[in-house]
N, C-alpha and C. Protein backbone atom coordinates (compact mmCIF):
# COMPACT_ATOMS: atom_id res chain seq x y z
N MET A 1 -110.62 -69.61 -85.95
CA MET A 1 -109.10 -69.97 -85.55
C MET A 1 -108.74 -68.18 -85.20
N THR A 2 -108.13 -68.19 -84.09
CA THR A 2 -107.27 -67.05 -83.63
C THR A 2 -105.59 -66.60 -84.38
N GLN A 3 -105.44 -65.60 -84.79
CA GLN A 3 -104.30 -65.52 -85.16
C GLN A 3 -103.25 -65.28 -84.07
N HIS A 4 -102.04 -65.79 -83.86
CA HIS A 4 -101.08 -65.29 -83.05
C HIS A 4 -99.96 -64.37 -83.64
N SER A 5 -99.38 -63.94 -82.58
CA SER A 5 -97.91 -63.05 -83.16
C SER A 5 -96.89 -64.06 -83.24
N SER A 6 -96.03 -64.11 -83.87
CA SER A 6 -94.91 -64.90 -83.85
C SER A 6 -93.68 -64.61 -83.11
N GLY A 7 -93.67 -63.19 -82.80
CA GLY A 7 -92.73 -62.62 -82.20
C GLY A 7 -92.92 -63.24 -80.37
N PRO A 8 -92.36 -62.68 -79.49
CA PRO A 8 -92.03 -63.24 -78.36
C PRO A 8 -93.22 -62.35 -77.51
N LEU A 9 -94.02 -61.19 -77.67
CA LEU A 9 -94.63 -60.40 -77.24
C LEU A 9 -95.98 -60.48 -78.28
N GLN A 10 -97.11 -60.73 -77.43
CA GLN A 10 -98.19 -60.43 -78.52
C GLN A 10 -98.68 -59.18 -78.61
N PRO A 11 -99.24 -58.37 -79.57
CA PRO A 11 -99.66 -57.02 -79.84
C PRO A 11 -100.07 -56.66 -78.89
N THR A 12 -101.25 -56.80 -77.73
CA THR A 12 -101.47 -56.06 -76.70
C THR A 12 -100.57 -56.04 -75.79
N ASN A 13 -99.84 -57.05 -75.58
CA ASN A 13 -98.61 -57.25 -74.38
C ASN A 13 -97.71 -55.80 -74.93
N ARG A 14 -97.42 -55.41 -76.28
CA ARG A 14 -96.52 -54.80 -76.52
C ARG A 14 -96.95 -53.50 -75.96
N TRP A 15 -98.26 -53.06 -76.57
CA TRP A 15 -98.85 -52.10 -76.30
C TRP A 15 -99.02 -51.67 -74.54
N SER A 16 -99.21 -52.70 -73.68
CA SER A 16 -99.16 -52.39 -72.67
C SER A 16 -97.71 -52.06 -71.86
N LEU A 17 -96.86 -52.77 -72.52
CA LEU A 17 -95.35 -52.54 -72.43
C LEU A 17 -95.19 -51.27 -72.84
N LEU A 18 -95.17 -50.77 -73.87
CA LEU A 18 -95.19 -49.42 -74.41
C LEU A 18 -95.77 -48.49 -73.41
N ALA A 19 -97.15 -48.40 -73.25
CA ALA A 19 -97.69 -47.60 -72.56
C ALA A 19 -96.93 -47.37 -71.18
N ALA A 20 -96.69 -48.23 -70.41
CA ALA A 20 -96.16 -48.89 -69.09
C ALA A 20 -94.78 -47.99 -69.13
N LEU A 21 -93.64 -48.20 -70.02
CA LEU A 21 -92.84 -47.78 -70.30
C LEU A 21 -92.62 -45.66 -70.22
N ALA A 22 -93.62 -45.64 -71.20
CA ALA A 22 -94.03 -44.42 -71.31
C ALA A 22 -94.43 -43.69 -69.99
N ALA A 23 -95.18 -44.03 -69.49
CA ALA A 23 -95.44 -43.57 -68.06
C ALA A 23 -94.36 -43.55 -67.17
N ALA A 24 -93.81 -44.66 -66.94
CA ALA A 24 -92.37 -44.66 -66.05
C ALA A 24 -91.49 -43.28 -66.66
N THR A 25 -91.52 -42.75 -67.95
CA THR A 25 -90.60 -42.19 -68.37
C THR A 25 -91.24 -40.44 -68.03
N PHE A 26 -92.15 -40.61 -68.57
CA PHE A 26 -92.81 -39.20 -68.40
C PHE A 26 -93.71 -38.28 -67.39
N VAL A 27 -94.39 -39.52 -66.84
CA VAL A 27 -95.31 -39.09 -65.71
C VAL A 27 -94.62 -38.48 -64.45
N PRO A 28 -93.37 -38.85 -63.97
CA PRO A 28 -92.37 -38.29 -63.38
C PRO A 28 -92.15 -37.08 -63.31
N LEU A 29 -91.67 -36.87 -64.79
CA LEU A 29 -91.25 -35.63 -65.14
C LEU A 29 -92.67 -34.39 -65.10
N LEU A 30 -93.26 -34.80 -65.43
CA LEU A 30 -94.65 -33.94 -65.76
C LEU A 30 -95.25 -33.74 -64.35
N LEU A 31 -95.04 -34.56 -63.58
CA LEU A 31 -95.54 -34.11 -61.68
C LEU A 31 -94.35 -33.44 -61.14
N SER A 32 -93.44 -33.68 -61.06
CA SER A 32 -91.69 -32.97 -60.44
C SER A 32 -91.98 -31.95 -61.33
N ALA A 33 -91.86 -31.33 -62.11
CA ALA A 33 -91.44 -30.25 -63.23
C ALA A 33 -92.01 -29.05 -62.37
N PRO A 34 -93.20 -29.14 -62.10
CA PRO A 34 -93.84 -27.69 -60.97
C PRO A 34 -93.56 -27.45 -59.95
N ALA A 35 -93.74 -28.62 -59.66
CA ALA A 35 -93.38 -28.67 -57.93
C ALA A 35 -91.90 -28.71 -57.88
N GLU A 36 -91.08 -29.16 -58.31
CA GLU A 36 -89.84 -28.46 -58.26
C GLU A 36 -89.43 -27.11 -58.54
N ALA A 37 -89.81 -26.73 -59.59
CA ALA A 37 -89.70 -25.50 -60.19
C ALA A 37 -90.41 -24.56 -58.45
N HIS A 38 -91.24 -24.84 -58.08
CA HIS A 38 -91.69 -23.89 -56.78
C HIS A 38 -91.25 -24.14 -55.36
N MET A 39 -90.83 -25.41 -55.29
CA MET A 39 -89.52 -25.74 -54.35
C MET A 39 -88.47 -25.19 -54.32
N LYS A 40 -87.86 -24.31 -55.41
CA LYS A 40 -86.75 -23.45 -55.32
C LYS A 40 -87.16 -22.61 -54.58
N GLY A 41 -87.78 -21.97 -54.60
CA GLY A 41 -88.53 -20.62 -53.68
C GLY A 41 -88.97 -21.13 -52.35
N MET A 42 -88.66 -22.09 -52.36
CA MET A 42 -88.86 -22.64 -50.64
C MET A 42 -87.60 -22.75 -49.96
N PHE A 43 -87.68 -22.83 -48.66
CA PHE A 43 -86.62 -22.50 -47.73
C PHE A 43 -86.97 -23.43 -46.28
N LYS A 44 -85.91 -24.32 -46.15
CA LYS A 44 -86.34 -24.89 -44.64
C LYS A 44 -86.40 -23.86 -43.46
N THR A 45 -85.56 -22.61 -43.55
CA THR A 45 -85.63 -21.76 -42.47
C THR A 45 -86.12 -20.18 -43.01
N LYS A 46 -86.25 -19.61 -42.38
CA LYS A 46 -86.96 -18.16 -42.25
C LYS A 46 -85.44 -17.25 -42.48
N GLN A 47 -84.64 -17.51 -42.08
CA GLN A 47 -83.34 -16.95 -42.45
C GLN A 47 -82.77 -17.20 -44.13
N GLU A 48 -82.87 -18.36 -44.38
CA GLU A 48 -82.79 -18.45 -45.55
C GLU A 48 -83.28 -18.06 -46.87
N ALA A 49 -84.76 -18.05 -46.32
CA ALA A 49 -85.71 -17.16 -47.14
C ALA A 49 -85.66 -15.71 -47.41
N GLU A 50 -85.22 -15.02 -45.83
CA GLU A 50 -85.00 -13.95 -45.81
C GLU A 50 -83.73 -13.25 -46.45
N GLN A 51 -82.67 -14.37 -46.65
CA GLN A 51 -81.51 -14.06 -47.51
C GLN A 51 -81.51 -14.06 -48.94
N ARG A 52 -82.75 -14.92 -49.57
CA ARG A 52 -83.21 -14.72 -51.00
C ARG A 52 -84.08 -13.69 -50.95
N ALA A 53 -84.99 -12.84 -50.12
CA ALA A 53 -85.54 -11.94 -49.76
C ALA A 53 -84.62 -10.50 -50.44
N ALA A 54 -83.64 -10.51 -49.92
CA ALA A 54 -82.38 -9.61 -50.38
C ALA A 54 -81.68 -9.54 -51.67
N GLU A 55 -81.64 -11.06 -52.04
CA GLU A 55 -81.23 -11.15 -53.90
C GLU A 55 -82.20 -10.38 -54.46
N LEU A 56 -83.77 -10.45 -54.07
CA LEU A 56 -84.65 -10.13 -55.02
C LEU A 56 -85.45 -8.66 -54.58
N LYS A 57 -84.65 -8.01 -53.94
CA LYS A 57 -84.78 -6.56 -53.46
C LYS A 57 -86.05 -6.46 -52.67
N CYS A 58 -86.80 -7.54 -51.99
CA CYS A 58 -87.64 -7.04 -50.87
C CYS A 58 -87.70 -7.99 -49.88
N LYS A 59 -88.43 -7.42 -48.75
CA LYS A 59 -88.01 -7.93 -47.08
C LYS A 59 -88.82 -8.88 -46.65
N GLY A 60 -88.61 -9.34 -46.07
CA GLY A 60 -89.33 -10.84 -44.97
C GLY A 60 -89.31 -12.27 -45.42
N ALA A 61 -90.07 -12.41 -45.15
CA ALA A 61 -90.53 -14.03 -45.19
C ALA A 61 -91.61 -14.65 -44.58
N PHE A 62 -92.39 -15.42 -45.20
CA PHE A 62 -93.70 -16.17 -44.76
C PHE A 62 -93.41 -17.35 -45.04
N ALA A 63 -94.39 -18.07 -44.07
CA ALA A 63 -94.64 -19.15 -43.90
C ALA A 63 -95.68 -19.69 -45.13
N MET A 64 -95.16 -21.04 -45.45
CA MET A 64 -95.94 -22.07 -46.50
C MET A 64 -95.88 -23.11 -45.94
N GLY A 65 -96.28 -23.42 -45.16
CA GLY A 65 -96.76 -24.91 -44.58
C GLY A 65 -95.47 -24.90 -43.38
N SER A 66 -94.83 -25.82 -43.66
CA SER A 66 -93.56 -25.99 -42.87
C SER A 66 -92.30 -25.67 -43.30
N LEU A 67 -92.40 -24.47 -44.82
CA LEU A 67 -91.18 -24.11 -45.32
C LEU A 67 -91.40 -22.44 -45.27
N TRP A 68 -90.71 -22.02 -45.76
CA TRP A 68 -90.65 -20.36 -45.84
C TRP A 68 -90.06 -19.89 -47.20
N MET A 69 -90.79 -18.81 -47.51
CA MET A 69 -90.60 -18.22 -48.72
C MET A 69 -90.31 -16.73 -48.37
N PRO A 70 -89.18 -16.44 -49.83
CA PRO A 70 -89.16 -14.91 -49.36
C PRO A 70 -89.89 -13.62 -49.54
N CYS A 71 -89.90 -12.76 -49.18
CA CYS A 71 -90.59 -11.40 -49.19
C CYS A 71 -91.82 -11.45 -48.05
N ALA A 72 -92.36 -10.32 -47.98
CA ALA A 72 -93.42 -10.16 -46.94
C ALA A 72 -94.70 -11.07 -47.31
N SER A 73 -95.03 -11.02 -48.66
CA SER A 73 -96.24 -12.01 -49.20
C SER A 73 -95.94 -12.56 -50.65
N GLU A 74 -97.00 -13.06 -50.68
CA GLU A 74 -96.65 -14.09 -52.32
C GLU A 74 -96.89 -13.32 -53.63
N GLN A 75 -97.80 -12.18 -52.80
CA GLN A 75 -97.90 -11.15 -54.00
C GLN A 75 -96.57 -10.26 -54.40
N VAL A 76 -96.18 -10.11 -52.99
CA VAL A 76 -95.13 -9.03 -53.24
C VAL A 76 -93.98 -9.86 -53.81
N LEU A 77 -93.61 -11.23 -53.61
CA LEU A 77 -92.65 -12.35 -54.07
C LEU A 77 -92.51 -12.77 -55.70
N HIS A 78 -93.71 -12.43 -56.45
CA HIS A 78 -94.28 -12.45 -57.68
C HIS A 78 -93.87 -11.44 -58.26
N LYS A 79 -94.19 -9.85 -57.64
CA LYS A 79 -94.14 -8.62 -58.20
C LYS A 79 -92.54 -8.68 -58.35
N ALA A 80 -91.59 -9.30 -56.81
CA ALA A 80 -90.24 -9.32 -57.43
C ALA A 80 -89.61 -10.13 -58.49
N LEU A 81 -90.21 -11.42 -58.33
CA LEU A 81 -89.51 -11.88 -59.22
C LEU A 81 -89.78 -11.82 -61.00
N GLN A 82 -90.71 -10.85 -61.23
CA GLN A 82 -91.06 -10.43 -62.34
C GLN A 82 -90.07 -9.24 -62.69
N ASN A 83 -89.56 -8.73 -61.74
CA ASN A 83 -88.61 -7.61 -61.47
C ASN A 83 -87.04 -8.35 -61.85
N GLU A 84 -86.88 -9.41 -61.60
CA GLU A 84 -85.55 -9.83 -61.37
C GLU A 84 -84.74 -10.01 -62.89
């Protein structure tokens, strides 16, 4: 004879619900944090990226897909960010 839980959720359902809640809460944070941090250095226009380059004391902007990043290259950008 199988033993049944007396509560509204069976033990396996409770673990499934807990796993789903954890995934819904933490997975978006894990996936979006690095992307969001990188996106802060990406701009829709070359002019915006060049303005940020001036703040970082570097020159120019470079394309990254359809967006723009400050400084002449990614290597120069990383060096400028270290000096910020």
